[in-house]
Amino acid sequence: MHALSLGTWWIHLASLFEWMLAIVLVVQWGRRNQSRAMSWLALAMLPNLVSAMTAITWHIFDNSKALSGIVVLQAWLTLIGNCCLAAATWNLVRSERQQS
């Protein structure tokens, strides 16, 4: 945990909690507006959340070379998460167009 400054840890953890809060808010918004597309968007946000958790885990263990595989996992989760977010956003736009 010595590899990162206190400020960097604060940003990492704050971003993680912001993302979790965003997921909760998207779910609530979707329920309020009865939008299944918003539920899909919240679900699509999960791989990026797990990606952030893997990055933090790696930093907790001082960026150990023994855990270098977790960096590869993080990269894949980010790629998958971004693709899921793109698909969920397209689905949301399509859903909004059908309603109007």
N, C-alpha and C. Protein backbone atom coordinates (compact mmCIF):
# COMPACT_ATOMS: atom_id res chain seq x y z
N MET A 1 0.82 -1.19 0.00
CA MET A 1 0.00 0.00 0.00
C MET A 1 0.86 1.25 0.00
N HIS A 2 2.16 1.06 -0.08
CA HIS A 2 3.06 2.20 -0.05
C HIS A 2 3.27 2.80 -1.43
N ALA A 3 2.78 2.13 -2.46
CA ALA A 3 3.01 2.58 -3.83
C ALA A 3 2.18 3.81 -4.18
N LEU A 4 1.10 4.04 -3.49
CA LEU A 4 0.21 5.16 -3.81
C LEU A 4 0.17 6.17 -2.66
N SER A 5 0.04 7.43 -3.03
CA SER A 5 -0.09 8.46 -2.01
C SER A 5 -1.49 8.41 -1.40
N LEU A 6 -1.65 9.08 -0.29
CA LEU A 6 -2.95 9.14 0.38
C LEU A 6 -4.00 9.77 -0.53
N GLY A 7 -3.62 10.82 -1.24
CA GLY A 7 -4.54 11.47 -2.17
C GLY A 7 -5.00 10.54 -3.29
N THR A 8 -4.07 9.74 -3.80
CA THR A 8 -4.41 8.79 -4.86
C THR A 8 -5.34 7.71 -4.33
N TRP A 9 -5.10 7.25 -3.11
CA TRP A 9 -6.01 6.27 -2.50
C TRP A 9 -7.40 6.87 -2.35
N TRP A 10 -7.45 8.13 -1.93
CA TRP A 10 -8.74 8.80 -1.75
C TRP A 10 -9.51 8.83 -3.08
N ILE A 11 -8.83 9.19 -4.16
CA ILE A 11 -9.47 9.25 -5.47
C ILE A 11 -9.94 7.87 -5.90
N HIS A 12 -9.10 6.86 -5.72
CA HIS A 12 -9.48 5.49 -6.09
C HIS A 12 -10.74 5.05 -5.35
N LEU A 13 -10.75 5.22 -4.06
CA LEU A 13 -11.88 4.76 -3.25
C LEU A 13 -13.13 5.61 -3.50
N ALA A 14 -12.94 6.90 -3.64
CA ALA A 14 -14.09 7.77 -3.92
C ALA A 14 -14.73 7.41 -5.26
N SER A 15 -13.91 7.13 -6.26
CA SER A 15 -14.43 6.74 -7.58
C SER A 15 -15.19 5.42 -7.49
N LEU A 16 -14.68 4.50 -6.70
CA LEU A 16 -15.36 3.22 -6.52
C LEU A 16 -16.74 3.42 -5.90
N PHE A 17 -16.81 4.23 -4.86
CA PHE A 17 -18.10 4.47 -4.21
C PHE A 17 -19.04 5.30 -5.09
N GLU A 18 -18.48 6.22 -5.87
CA GLU A 18 -19.30 6.99 -6.81
C GLU A 18 -19.95 6.07 -7.83
N TRP A 19 -19.18 5.11 -8.33
CA TRP A 19 -19.71 4.17 -9.34
C TRP A 19 -20.81 3.31 -8.73
N MET A 20 -20.61 2.86 -7.48
CA MET A 20 -21.66 2.07 -6.82
C MET A 20 -22.92 2.91 -6.63
N LEU A 21 -22.76 4.16 -6.22
CA LEU A 21 -23.90 5.05 -6.04
C LEU A 21 -24.61 5.29 -7.39
N ALA A 22 -23.83 5.45 -8.44
CA ALA A 22 -24.42 5.66 -9.77
C ALA A 22 -25.27 4.46 -10.18
N ILE A 23 -24.78 3.26 -9.90
CA ILE A 23 -25.55 2.05 -10.23
C ILE A 23 -26.88 2.04 -9.47
N VAL A 24 -26.82 2.35 -8.19
CA VAL A 24 -28.04 2.37 -7.37
C VAL A 24 -29.01 3.42 -7.91
N LEU A 25 -28.51 4.60 -8.25
CA LEU A 25 -29.38 5.66 -8.76
C LEU A 25 -29.99 5.31 -10.11
N VAL A 26 -29.23 4.65 -10.97
CA VAL A 26 -29.76 4.24 -12.27
C VAL A 26 -30.88 3.21 -12.07
N VAL A 27 -30.67 2.28 -11.14
CA VAL A 27 -31.71 1.28 -10.85
C VAL A 27 -32.97 1.97 -10.33
N GLN A 28 -32.82 2.89 -9.40
CA GLN A 28 -33.98 3.60 -8.84
C GLN A 28 -34.69 4.41 -9.91
N TRP A 29 -33.95 5.08 -10.77
CA TRP A 29 -34.54 5.86 -11.84
C TRP A 29 -35.32 4.94 -12.79
N GLY A 30 -34.73 3.80 -13.09
CA GLY A 30 -35.40 2.84 -13.97
C GLY A 30 -36.69 2.31 -13.37
N ARG A 31 -36.67 2.04 -12.08
CA ARG A 31 -37.89 1.57 -11.40
C ARG A 31 -38.95 2.65 -11.39
N ARG A 32 -38.54 3.87 -11.09
CA ARG A 32 -39.49 4.98 -11.03
C ARG A 32 -40.16 5.21 -12.38
N ASN A 33 -39.39 5.08 -13.44
CA ASN A 33 -39.91 5.33 -14.79
C ASN A 33 -40.31 4.05 -15.51
N GLN A 34 -40.28 2.94 -14.80
CA GLN A 34 -40.62 1.64 -15.35
C GLN A 34 -39.87 1.38 -16.66
N SER A 35 -38.57 1.59 -16.61
CA SER A 35 -37.71 1.44 -17.79
C SER A 35 -36.78 0.25 -17.61
N ARG A 36 -37.05 -0.80 -18.35
CA ARG A 36 -36.17 -1.97 -18.31
C ARG A 36 -34.81 -1.64 -18.91
N ALA A 37 -34.78 -0.69 -19.84
CA ALA A 37 -33.52 -0.29 -20.46
C ALA A 37 -32.57 0.30 -19.42
N MET A 38 -33.10 1.00 -18.44
CA MET A 38 -32.25 1.55 -17.37
C MET A 38 -31.70 0.43 -16.50
N SER A 39 -32.50 -0.60 -16.28
CA SER A 39 -32.01 -1.76 -15.52
C SER A 39 -30.86 -2.44 -16.25
N TRP A 40 -30.98 -2.52 -17.58
CA TRP A 40 -29.89 -3.10 -18.38
C TRP A 40 -28.65 -2.21 -18.30
N LEU A 41 -28.84 -0.91 -18.26
CA LEU A 41 -27.71 0.00 -18.13
C LEU A 41 -27.00 -0.22 -16.79
N ALA A 42 -27.76 -0.35 -15.72
CA ALA A 42 -27.16 -0.59 -14.40
C ALA A 42 -26.39 -1.91 -14.40
N LEU A 43 -26.96 -2.93 -15.00
CA LEU A 43 -26.29 -4.23 -15.09
C LEU A 43 -25.00 -4.12 -15.90
N ALA A 44 -25.03 -3.32 -16.96
CA ALA A 44 -23.85 -3.15 -17.81
C ALA A 44 -22.73 -2.40 -17.09
N MET A 45 -23.06 -1.71 -16.02
CA MET A 45 -22.05 -0.97 -15.27
C MET A 45 -21.22 -1.87 -14.35
N LEU A 46 -21.70 -3.07 -14.09
CA LEU A 46 -21.03 -3.95 -13.12
C LEU A 46 -19.63 -4.39 -13.54
N PRO A 47 -19.37 -4.77 -14.79
CA PRO A 47 -17.99 -5.17 -15.12
C PRO A 47 -16.95 -4.07 -14.85
N ASN A 48 -17.31 -2.81 -15.09
CA ASN A 48 -16.39 -1.73 -14.80
C ASN A 48 -16.18 -1.55 -13.29
N LEU A 49 -17.23 -1.82 -12.51
CA LEU A 49 -17.09 -1.77 -11.06
C LEU A 49 -16.12 -2.85 -10.58
N VAL A 50 -16.28 -4.04 -11.10
CA VAL A 50 -15.38 -5.14 -10.72
C VAL A 50 -13.96 -4.84 -11.19
N SER A 51 -13.84 -4.21 -12.35
CA SER A 51 -12.52 -3.81 -12.85
C SER A 51 -11.84 -2.86 -11.87
N ALA A 52 -12.58 -1.90 -11.37
CA ALA A 52 -12.03 -0.96 -10.39
C ALA A 52 -11.62 -1.69 -9.11
N MET A 53 -12.42 -2.65 -8.71
CA MET A 53 -12.09 -3.42 -7.50
C MET A 53 -10.81 -4.23 -7.69
N THR A 54 -10.59 -4.76 -8.90
CA THR A 54 -9.35 -5.50 -9.13
C THR A 54 -8.14 -4.57 -9.08
N ALA A 55 -8.30 -3.36 -9.60
CA ALA A 55 -7.19 -2.40 -9.55
C ALA A 55 -6.85 -2.05 -8.10
N ILE A 56 -7.86 -1.82 -7.31
CA ILE A 56 -7.63 -1.49 -5.90
C ILE A 56 -7.00 -2.67 -5.18
N THR A 57 -7.47 -3.87 -5.49
CA THR A 57 -6.88 -5.07 -4.87
C THR A 57 -5.40 -5.17 -5.18
N TRP A 58 -5.05 -4.93 -6.43
CA TRP A 58 -3.64 -4.99 -6.82
C TRP A 58 -2.82 -3.96 -6.06
N HIS A 59 -3.36 -2.75 -5.91
CA HIS A 59 -2.66 -1.70 -5.17
C HIS A 59 -2.54 -2.04 -3.68
N ILE A 60 -3.55 -2.69 -3.12
CA ILE A 60 -3.50 -3.08 -1.70
C ILE A 60 -2.29 -3.96 -1.43
N PHE A 61 -1.96 -4.81 -2.40
CA PHE A 61 -0.83 -5.71 -2.25
C PHE A 61 0.44 -5.14 -2.87
N ASP A 62 0.58 -3.82 -2.82
CA ASP A 62 1.79 -3.11 -3.27
C ASP A 62 2.19 -3.44 -4.69
N ASN A 63 1.21 -3.60 -5.57
CA ASN A 63 1.49 -3.86 -6.99
C ASN A 63 2.41 -5.07 -7.16
N SER A 64 2.16 -6.11 -6.39
CA SER A 64 3.00 -7.30 -6.40
C SER A 64 3.04 -7.96 -7.78
N LYS A 65 4.26 -8.32 -8.19
CA LYS A 65 4.41 -9.01 -9.48
C LYS A 65 3.73 -10.37 -9.46
N ALA A 66 3.57 -10.95 -8.29
CA ALA A 66 2.88 -12.23 -8.17
C ALA A 66 1.41 -12.11 -8.57
N LEU A 67 0.87 -10.91 -8.50
CA LEU A 67 -0.53 -10.67 -8.86
C LEU A 67 -0.66 -9.95 -10.20
N SER A 68 0.35 -10.07 -11.04
CA SER A 68 0.30 -9.35 -12.32
C SER A 68 -0.86 -9.82 -13.20
N GLY A 69 -1.34 -11.04 -12.98
CA GLY A 69 -2.50 -11.53 -13.73
C GLY A 69 -3.74 -10.72 -13.46
N ILE A 70 -3.81 -10.11 -12.30
CA ILE A 70 -4.99 -9.30 -11.97
C ILE A 70 -5.05 -8.05 -12.85
N VAL A 71 -3.89 -7.59 -13.32
CA VAL A 71 -3.86 -6.44 -14.22
C VAL A 71 -4.47 -6.83 -15.57
N VAL A 72 -4.16 -8.03 -16.03
CA VAL A 72 -4.75 -8.53 -17.27
C VAL A 72 -6.26 -8.69 -17.10
N LEU A 73 -6.68 -9.22 -15.95
CA LEU A 73 -8.10 -9.36 -15.66
C LEU A 73 -8.78 -7.99 -15.66
N GLN A 74 -8.14 -7.01 -15.07
CA GLN A 74 -8.71 -5.67 -15.05
C GLN A 74 -8.87 -5.12 -16.46
N ALA A 75 -7.88 -5.34 -17.30
CA ALA A 75 -7.96 -4.85 -18.68
C ALA A 75 -9.13 -5.50 -19.41
N TRP A 76 -9.29 -6.80 -19.25
CA TRP A 76 -10.40 -7.50 -19.91
C TRP A 76 -11.75 -7.04 -19.37
N LEU A 77 -11.84 -6.87 -18.06
CA LEU A 77 -13.10 -6.40 -17.47
C LEU A 77 -13.44 -5.00 -17.96
N THR A 78 -12.43 -4.16 -18.13
CA THR A 78 -12.68 -2.81 -18.65
C THR A 78 -13.18 -2.88 -20.08
N LEU A 79 -12.55 -3.72 -20.90
CA LEU A 79 -13.00 -3.88 -22.29
C LEU A 79 -14.43 -4.40 -22.35
N ILE A 80 -14.69 -5.45 -21.59
CA ILE A 80 -16.04 -6.04 -21.56
C ILE A 80 -17.05 -5.02 -21.04
N GLY A 81 -16.68 -4.32 -19.97
CA GLY A 81 -17.57 -3.32 -19.38
C GLY A 81 -17.89 -2.20 -20.35
N ASN A 82 -16.89 -1.72 -21.06
CA ASN A 82 -17.13 -0.65 -22.02
C ASN A 82 -18.03 -1.12 -23.17
N CYS A 83 -17.83 -2.35 -23.62
CA CYS A 83 -18.70 -2.90 -24.67
C CYS A 83 -20.13 -3.06 -24.14
N CYS A 84 -20.27 -3.53 -22.90
CA CYS A 84 -21.60 -3.67 -22.30
C CYS A 84 -22.28 -2.31 -22.15
N LEU A 85 -21.52 -1.31 -21.74
CA LEU A 85 -22.09 0.04 -21.60
C LEU A 85 -22.52 0.60 -22.95
N ALA A 86 -21.74 0.35 -23.98
CA ALA A 86 -22.12 0.82 -25.32
C ALA A 86 -23.41 0.15 -25.77
N ALA A 87 -23.51 -1.17 -25.56
CA ALA A 87 -24.72 -1.90 -25.95
C ALA A 87 -25.93 -1.44 -25.14
N ALA A 88 -25.75 -1.24 -23.85
CA ALA A 88 -26.85 -0.81 -22.99
C ALA A 88 -27.30 0.61 -23.35
N THR A 89 -26.36 1.46 -23.71
CA THR A 89 -26.70 2.82 -24.13
C THR A 89 -27.48 2.79 -25.44
N TRP A 90 -27.03 1.98 -26.39
CA TRP A 90 -27.76 1.83 -27.65
C TRP A 90 -29.18 1.33 -27.38
N ASN A 91 -29.29 0.36 -26.47
CA ASN A 91 -30.60 -0.17 -26.10
C ASN A 91 -31.48 0.91 -25.46
N LEU A 92 -30.88 1.74 -24.64
CA LEU A 92 -31.63 2.83 -23.99
C LEU A 92 -32.13 3.84 -25.02
N VAL A 93 -31.28 4.21 -25.96
CA VAL A 93 -31.68 5.15 -27.01
C VAL A 93 -32.80 4.54 -27.85
N ARG A 94 -32.65 3.28 -28.21
CA ARG A 94 -33.68 2.60 -29.01
C ARG A 94 -35.00 2.55 -28.25
N SER A 95 -34.93 2.27 -26.97
CA SER A 95 -36.12 2.21 -26.13
C SER A 95 -36.81 3.57 -26.02
N GLU A 96 -36.01 4.62 -25.87
CA GLU A 96 -36.56 5.97 -25.78
C GLU A 96 -37.23 6.39 -27.09
N ARG A 97 -36.64 5.99 -28.20
CA ARG A 97 -37.22 6.33 -29.51
C ARG A 97 -38.56 5.62 -29.72
N GLN A 98 -38.65 4.39 -29.23
CA GLN A 98 -39.91 3.63 -29.38
C GLN A 98 -41.03 4.25 -28.54
N GLN A 99 -40.67 4.84 -27.40
CA GLN A 99 -41.69 5.42 -26.54
C GLN A 99 -42.20 6.77 -27.06
N SER A 100 -41.40 7.43 -27.87
CA SER A 100 -41.82 8.75 -28.35
C SER A 100 -42.44 8.69 -29.73
